[in-house]
Amino acid sequence: MEAVLAHLRGAIERGAYAIGDKLPSEAELCRSLEVSRPVLREALRALQTMGLTVSKTGKGTFVLARAVEDPTFGDYAASDLLEVRRHVEIPVAGYAAVRRTPENLDHLTRLLDRMERETDTTAWVAMDTLFHLSVAEAAQNPVFRRVIEEIRDALARQSAFLDELGGRREQSDREHRAIVEALIDGSESEAVAAMSHHLDRVETTLGRIVRSVRTGERPEDGAGA
């Protein structure tokens, strides 16, 4: 999928397809690129998430822009989403470290154990967003939980995007584990540092994907939401 995405992205950025042009049909692309339809569709979804194309039902996929500016996840641009997450989730982790209950810790520990064993991407992404929601719940402030609920769909889309193109799920699990350990220790400073590091890695990976050269290779590392 990464190779197909790199090929199509390169063609768009070189101007082989102009803004407004319709991409060849799925059948044509599958034949010319010698890939299956599911692989092609994954690449087309990634192009749309990057903001390079738009899909029109019954009409096909059309070029929207020649360069990646700011991927969108649901209703929110990646840069807006990350800005809000830094202002909300980092202090939330600190509050959670000093306010969490035994029930919160048990839930988070069991959830993380399941994530580390999970092999299905869709299931893992769902648990990834639930993890961040559960940290907000541990802060014992319903407003924080409501904010994370509002961006939950965007978090899931971002997580799937970074997992597909960044491939760093295991590292993301380790970062989640560091957050949970800080909550167990009741250390506000360590929880803040662990969440900050996690969001730093999300931003770094997203930046690599956006800036990646058209080699067809995976970025060096990635991150879940």
Protein backbone atom coordinates (compact mmCIF):
# COMPACT_ATOMS: atom_id res chain seq x y z
CA MET A 1 0.00 0.00 0.00
CA GLU A 2 2.85 2.39 0.83
CA ALA A 3 4.33 1.86 -2.64
CA VAL A 4 0.99 2.53 -4.35
CA LEU A 5 0.45 5.63 -2.23
CA ALA A 6 3.95 6.90 -3.04
CA HIS A 7 3.39 6.33 -6.76
CA LEU A 8 0.06 8.17 -6.87
CA ARG A 9 1.24 10.95 -4.60
CA GLY A 10 4.33 11.42 -6.76
CA ALA A 11 2.24 11.61 -9.92
CA ILE A 12 0.02 14.28 -8.38
CA GLU A 13 2.91 16.34 -7.02
CA ARG A 14 4.76 16.18 -10.36
CA GLY A 15 1.67 17.44 -12.14
CA ALA A 16 0.89 14.26 -14.05
CA TYR A 17 -2.62 14.81 -12.73
CA ALA A 18 -3.65 18.46 -12.52
CA ILE A 19 -5.93 19.92 -9.88
CA GLY A 20 -9.46 18.99 -10.88
CA ASP A 21 -8.39 15.96 -12.91
CA LYS A 22 -10.06 12.64 -12.30
CA LEU A 23 -7.79 9.73 -11.43
CA PRO A 24 -8.12 6.57 -13.54
CA SER A 25 -10.78 4.13 -12.39
CA GLU A 26 -9.99 1.61 -9.68
CA ALA A 27 -10.00 -1.17 -12.26
CA GLU A 28 -7.49 0.70 -14.44
CA LEU A 29 -5.21 1.50 -11.51
CA CYS A 30 -5.31 -2.07 -10.24
CA ARG A 31 -4.26 -3.32 -13.67
CA SER A 32 -1.53 -0.76 -14.25
CA LEU A 33 -0.08 -1.00 -10.72
CA GLU A 34 -0.67 -4.75 -10.44
CA VAL A 35 -2.29 -4.57 -7.01
CA SER A 36 -5.52 -5.79 -5.49
CA ARG A 37 -8.52 -3.52 -5.06
CA PRO A 38 -8.31 -3.49 -1.21
CA VAL A 39 -4.68 -2.33 -1.39
CA LEU A 40 -5.57 0.38 -3.90
CA ARG A 41 -8.49 1.58 -1.81
CA GLU A 42 -6.27 1.94 1.25
CA ALA A 43 -3.91 4.13 -0.76
CA LEU A 44 -6.78 6.20 -2.14
CA ARG A 45 -8.13 6.75 1.39
CA ALA A 46 -4.68 7.91 2.51
CA LEU A 47 -4.50 10.39 -0.39
CA GLN A 48 -7.86 11.79 0.62
CA THR A 49 -6.82 12.06 4.27
CA MET A 50 -3.70 13.95 3.18
CA GLY A 51 -5.95 16.44 1.41
CA LEU A 52 -4.64 15.64 -2.06
CA THR A 53 -7.84 14.16 -3.45
CA VAL A 54 -11.58 14.09 -2.93
CA SER A 55 -13.87 11.16 -3.63
CA LYS A 56 -17.24 11.86 -5.25
CA THR A 57 -19.77 9.07 -4.98
CA GLY A 58 -20.53 7.57 -8.36
CA LYS A 59 -18.07 9.86 -10.12
CA GLY A 60 -14.61 8.85 -8.93
CA THR A 61 -11.59 10.39 -7.27
CA PHE A 62 -10.48 13.91 -8.20
CA VAL A 63 -7.25 15.81 -7.49
CA LEU A 64 -7.79 18.55 -4.93
CA ALA A 65 -4.23 19.80 -4.33
CA ARG A 66 -0.68 19.10 -5.52
CA ALA A 67 1.08 19.26 -2.16
CA VAL A 68 0.26 17.99 1.31
CA GLU A 69 -0.47 20.90 3.58
CA ASP A 70 -2.28 19.63 6.66
CA PRO A 71 -4.02 16.23 6.77
CA THR A 72 -7.57 16.22 8.06
CA PHE A 73 -9.05 13.65 10.39
CA GLY A 74 -12.82 13.78 10.32
CA ASP A 75 -13.82 17.36 11.04
CA TYR A 76 -10.42 18.57 12.21
CA ALA A 77 -7.07 19.44 10.65
CA ALA A 78 -4.12 17.58 12.12
CA SER A 79 -2.44 20.77 13.34
CA ASP A 80 -5.59 21.96 15.12
CA LEU A 81 -6.12 18.55 16.68
CA LEU A 82 -2.57 18.35 18.00
CA GLU A 83 -2.67 21.89 19.38
CA VAL A 84 -5.79 21.13 21.39
CA ARG A 85 -4.46 17.76 22.54
CA ARG A 86 -1.33 19.39 23.95
CA HIS A 87 -3.38 21.91 25.91
CA VAL A 88 -5.82 19.28 27.18
CA GLU A 89 -4.24 15.83 27.42
CA ILE A 90 -0.93 16.85 28.97
CA PRO A 91 -2.45 18.58 32.02
CA VAL A 92 -5.15 15.89 32.14
CA ALA A 93 -2.44 13.26 32.60
CA GLY A 94 -1.10 15.26 35.54
CA TYR A 95 -4.51 15.55 37.15
CA ALA A 96 -5.13 11.83 36.57
CA ALA A 97 -1.91 10.96 38.40
CA VAL A 98 -3.11 12.58 41.60
CA ARG A 99 -6.87 11.87 41.32
CA ARG A 100 -7.06 8.36 39.83
CA THR A 101 -8.96 5.69 41.69
CA PRO A 102 -8.03 2.00 42.02
CA GLU A 103 -10.84 1.30 39.55
CA ASN A 104 -9.32 3.71 37.02
CA LEU A 105 -5.93 2.04 37.31
CA ASP A 106 -7.40 -1.43 36.99
CA HIS A 107 -9.35 -0.44 33.89
CA LEU A 108 -6.34 1.22 32.24
CA THR A 109 -4.03 -1.68 33.05
CA ARG A 110 -6.44 -4.26 31.62
CA LEU A 111 -7.06 -2.13 28.55
CA LEU A 112 -3.35 -1.72 27.89
CA ASP A 113 -2.78 -5.46 28.32
CA ARG A 114 -5.42 -6.09 25.65
CA MET A 115 -3.87 -3.52 23.32
CA GLU A 116 -0.45 -5.11 23.60
CA ARG A 117 -1.91 -8.49 22.62
CA GLU A 118 -4.18 -7.19 19.84
CA THR A 119 -3.24 -7.98 16.24
CA ASP A 120 -6.26 -6.51 14.44
CA THR A 121 -5.67 -2.89 13.43
CA THR A 122 -9.31 -1.82 13.67
CA ALA A 123 -9.69 -3.26 17.17
CA TRP A 124 -6.41 -1.72 18.30
CA VAL A 125 -7.39 1.72 17.00
CA ALA A 126 -10.69 1.54 18.89
CA MET A 127 -8.84 0.68 22.10
CA ASP A 128 -6.29 3.44 21.44
CA THR A 129 -9.00 6.10 21.51
CA LEU A 130 -10.59 4.41 24.55
CA PHE A 131 -7.23 4.59 26.32
CA HIS A 132 -7.08 8.38 25.97
CA LEU A 133 -10.70 8.69 27.01
CA SER A 134 -9.98 6.56 30.09
CA VAL A 135 -7.06 8.78 31.11
CA ALA A 136 -9.43 11.76 30.92
CA GLU A 137 -11.93 9.89 33.09
CA ALA A 138 -9.20 9.28 35.67
CA ALA A 139 -8.78 13.06 36.00
CA GLN A 140 -12.25 13.09 37.64
CA ASN A 141 -13.47 16.10 35.65
CA PRO A 142 -16.39 15.42 33.30
CA VAL A 143 -15.47 18.39 31.12
CA PHE A 144 -12.16 16.76 30.15
CA ARG A 145 -14.00 13.58 29.23
CA ARG A 146 -16.45 15.57 27.10
CA VAL A 147 -13.60 17.25 25.21
CA ILE A 148 -11.99 13.89 24.38
CA GLU A 149 -15.39 12.51 23.35
CA GLU A 150 -15.75 15.41 20.92
CA ILE A 151 -12.49 14.56 19.16
CA ARG A 152 -12.80 10.79 19.54
CA ASP A 153 -13.60 10.15 15.87
CA ALA A 154 -10.70 12.34 14.78
CA LEU A 155 -8.37 10.51 17.17
CA ALA A 156 -9.42 7.18 15.68
CA ARG A 157 -8.84 8.39 12.14
CA GLN A 158 -5.46 9.82 13.06
CA SER A 159 -4.48 6.65 14.88
CA ALA A 160 -5.39 4.46 11.89
CA PHE A 161 -3.54 6.79 9.52
CA LEU A 162 -0.36 6.79 11.58
CA ASP A 163 -0.53 3.07 12.19
CA GLU A 164 -0.94 2.31 8.47
CA LEU A 165 1.78 4.69 7.31
CA GLY A 166 3.99 4.89 10.38
CA GLY A 167 3.92 1.32 11.63
CA ARG A 168 4.99 2.02 15.21
CA ARG A 169 2.19 0.41 17.16
CA GLU A 170 4.54 -1.37 19.56
CA GLN A 171 6.29 1.88 20.41
CA SER A 172 2.94 3.56 20.94
CA ASP A 173 2.01 0.76 23.35
CA ARG A 174 5.26 1.38 25.24
CA GLU A 175 4.43 5.08 25.49
CA HIS A 176 0.97 4.23 26.80
CA ARG A 177 2.58 1.88 29.32
CA ALA A 178 4.80 4.73 30.55
CA ILE A 179 1.72 6.90 31.06
CA VAL A 180 -0.04 4.19 33.05
CA GLU A 181 3.04 3.53 35.20
CA ALA A 182 3.22 7.24 36.04
CA LEU A 183 -0.46 7.16 37.06
CA ILE A 184 0.17 4.08 39.21
CA ASP A 185 3.10 5.88 40.89
CA GLY A 186 0.90 8.92 41.44
CA SER A 187 3.58 11.12 39.89
CA GLU A 188 2.12 14.23 38.28
CA SER A 189 5.44 15.27 36.75
CA GLU A 190 6.12 11.84 35.25
CA ALA A 191 2.60 11.59 33.86
CA VAL A 192 2.92 15.00 32.22
CA ALA A 193 6.32 14.05 30.77
CA ALA A 194 5.04 10.71 29.48
CA MET A 195 2.03 12.24 27.74
CA SER A 196 4.19 15.03 26.33
CA HIS A 197 6.60 12.48 24.90
CA HIS A 198 3.73 10.51 23.37
CA LEU A 199 2.30 13.57 21.63
CA ASP A 200 5.78 14.58 20.49
CA ARG A 201 6.11 11.23 18.74
CA VAL A 202 2.67 11.62 17.15
CA GLU A 203 3.71 15.00 15.76
CA THR A 204 7.10 13.74 14.57
CA THR A 205 5.59 10.78 12.77
CA LEU A 206 2.89 12.85 11.14
CA GLY A 207 5.55 15.29 9.96
CA ARG A 208 7.59 12.46 8.45
CA ILE A 209 4.59 11.15 6.55
CA VAL A 210 3.72 14.59 5.21
CA ARG A 211 7.31 15.34 4.19
CA SER A 212 8.27 11.85 3.09
CA VAL A 213 9.98 11.53 -0.26
CA ARG A 214 8.29 9.41 -2.86
CA THR A 215 10.31 6.22 -2.34
CA GLY A 216 7.50 3.85 -1.49
CA GLU A 217 9.13 3.05 1.85
CA ARG A 218 7.55 3.35 5.25
CA PRO A 219 8.55 6.35 7.37
CA GLU A 220 11.22 5.42 9.91
CA ASP A 221 8.75 5.24 12.74
CA GLY A 222 5.17 6.12 13.57
CA ALA A 223 2.67 6.39 16.36
CA GLY A 224 -0.83 5.64 17.41
CA ALA A 225 -3.06 8.40 18.68
